[in-house]
Structure formats: C-alpha cells, structure tokens
Amino acid sequence: MALSQSAVAPEVAIIPALRRRPWPIRNVILKFHLYLGIAGFLLIVVLGLTGAVLAFEDELTNWLSRDLTHVQSTPQQALLGDILASAQKLYPGYRVIAVDMPVTDDRAVDLLLAPLKASDAPRLRIFADPHTGQLRGECGSRCSTLATIQKLHTSLMLKRPWSFVVGYATALLLFMAASGIYLWWKRKIFQLHRRHGFWRFNFDVHHALGFYLLPLVIVIAVTGILLMFQWPKSLLLKLNPPGKSEVRLDRPTSTVVAGARPLDIDSQVRAAVVAMPGMRVLSISPALRPKDPLMIMMSSPEEKAERVHVVFVDQFSGKVLRVWEPDQNPGLGTRILSYTLRLHTGRIAGWFGQVVMCLVSLSIAALAASGILIWIRRAFI
C-alpha cells in the first residue's frame, strides 16, 4: 500500500526537495564577487592609487623638476649636436637614446640616456637649456619616484614573466564591475543613508559608487587589458581591411659610406624640417648604429601631438628615406588601438579627462576598501 505524503518522515521528505533545488545564480555570482574581491583587494588598491598619480605623470614631473625644466626664453638657439656632446662627455658610460624637444621657448630639452653596456644601472633623464646649450642637471630622485610608481602600476615591480599579474588584476576589475552591476540590480541603491549608521552608509557607498562609475571603470579595465595583453590587440586588428595589419614602423637603413662620418645631427634634423614644412619637431631618436636612420617625430601646431608624423633620415647623406603619415593605416582596429592609452589616462579629453580618471582611480581603491568592510561586517561583527 502506498504511503501518504503525511506519513513520510519529515526529514526524509525534505532530502529530495533539497536535491532538486538549484543554487540561485545570484548567490554564485555573489560568492565569486566576494572572494575574488578579497583575493585581489591589495592589487586593486595599488593599481587605483598609482593610476590616480599617473593620470598627471607629465604634469607632476614638470612640477617636481620645475627648476630644471623651465628656462629663460631668448632668441638664441644652441646646436643640438653640442648639447648631445656635452651629455656624452658628462656621462661617458651612457648614450643618448631619445630627445624630447621643448614645446615652448621657456622649456628645456629633455634627454634620456641609457647605459652603454647591459647592466642593472638605471636610465638617466637630464635637461638642457635649448638657448645656451648648458646642461641644467639630472632629474634624479624626482623622476625616479614617478618611474617607480609607473613600474608599480604596470608590473608591480615584478620582472617578466610575473608582470602578467597586473593584466589579470585588470581583468579581475572588469569582472568585479560586471558582477557588481548584476548584484546592484536587486537593490538599486542610488542614495546614501547617513543616519542609519556607518555600516549602512558604507554599504550604500559601495553600491551607489559602483553604479555611477560603472562606464568609466569599464573603460579603464578594457583599455588596461589592451595595454597588457597581445591577444585582444590581435582580435581588434582583425577589424582592419585585408592587408592592413598592425602599424609597423619598419625602419629603412642608412647607406654606410666607407671612411665617411655621419652628418651632424642638426643637419639631419634640418633635412626633415625642409621635407615637412609647417611641422614642428616633437622628439628625436638618434641613430645608435651606422645602418640606423635618424627617426624624428613631428606634428603641426594644430594637431598638438595627437597626429604624429615619423620621418626617417639617412645619417650619412641627410636624405629623407621615408615619411610615415598617421593616416597610412586607416583600419578600424588600428584606430581603436591608437586611442587606448589616451583613454586609459583620460588625456583624450585634456585636463578635464585627467581629473576625471584620477578621481575614478581613487574611487576604484575606495570601492575595494568598502567591499572589504562589508565582508568584515558580515563575517565578524
């Protein structure tokens, strides 16, 4: 005889029901959001705080080194070759690998020097007066502090292959943003309730801040992933037309003349200026080997360094070997990639964008901290 439902022992009747009941997807996402947030708490805080500083990296460098970067404006112009010779004489174990030219007459020439021999010796950054040719000094600890912050932000001071940790931390940030908005949807918290105590206020801050900052957090996370990994770049480049792969600045080679010495760097720069009328020189990469050309970055005053033209000059003949125009590769994927760094730092919108991204980076660190406080409240209080 079949037993009625009421005759079955309560604990026996409950077991099948528990087995049939699935774990709600929201609980699964909540657990992942919680435990991954705890695991990546320190990483996200470090990336947020350092990112806030690096939003104004150039401005901070100029401010910290203002006694070196600002010069007296005069009509006189020193030869670039003399400036480079003075730098080589003062630092015999180094060579100049990059020269950033001043944007205005009251700014100094910025020289980057690297050790001649492979070693752990740091690169040096020195400044020179473009009018007198006098070396004004080395940036030293002022620049090294920001360089350390940059290394902390991009690699956590880890050497390859461990620097990939930052890339995965950025991917974690993207997951936290996506899962956070899913968890927010149930409560839809827009306001902060200050009168309900600290813990409720912190809870509301975490939800409301996460909601309002979601688009910008996604921008930071996605651009960060593009900067750290190659595979998303390869996917974007598939959007380019056939034959339009990633922009490659393939350097032409200088024709080495036996027994001859290369032209002075000022003559090579003049050749580029003549070939590109109306353009101003942004930066110069000196030739390091006899076959290397001089590489010069140029732009027009209206373009404000947003569209860079690259000119390659033969260091023996002074002939312009190749000019790379920014519109040579108009593929969609390449265009998207060209905006990645400026979107990540906010520079695409000028100082306003930098301020916004600085505040968003600080808020990301605050979100991580408020999330930890929510967990502490539930687990221990």
Foldseek 3Di string as FASTA:
>chain_A
DDDDPVPDDPVVVVVVVVVPDDDDPLVVLVVCLQVLLVVCLVVLLLLLQLLLVVLCLVVQLCVLVVVFFFADADPAFDDPLLLQVVVCVVPVQWHWFKWFDDPDRGTWIWTWIDGPDDDPDDIWIWTARRRPSHTRDTSPPSNVVNVVSVCCNQQVVDDPPNSCVNLVSLVSLLSSLVSLVVNLVVVVQQDADPVVDDLSRLVSLLNNVSVVCSVLSNLLSVLSNVVRDDVVLQVLQVQFDPPQGADDPDFAWADADPPDDFDRPSLLVVLVCVVPPQKDWGMWGDDPDQGGWIWTWIDHPVCVSLWTKIWTARRHPSHTDDIRGSCPRVGPSNVVNSCSVCSNSLPVVPPVRNNVNSVSSNVSSSSSVSSVVNVCVVPPD
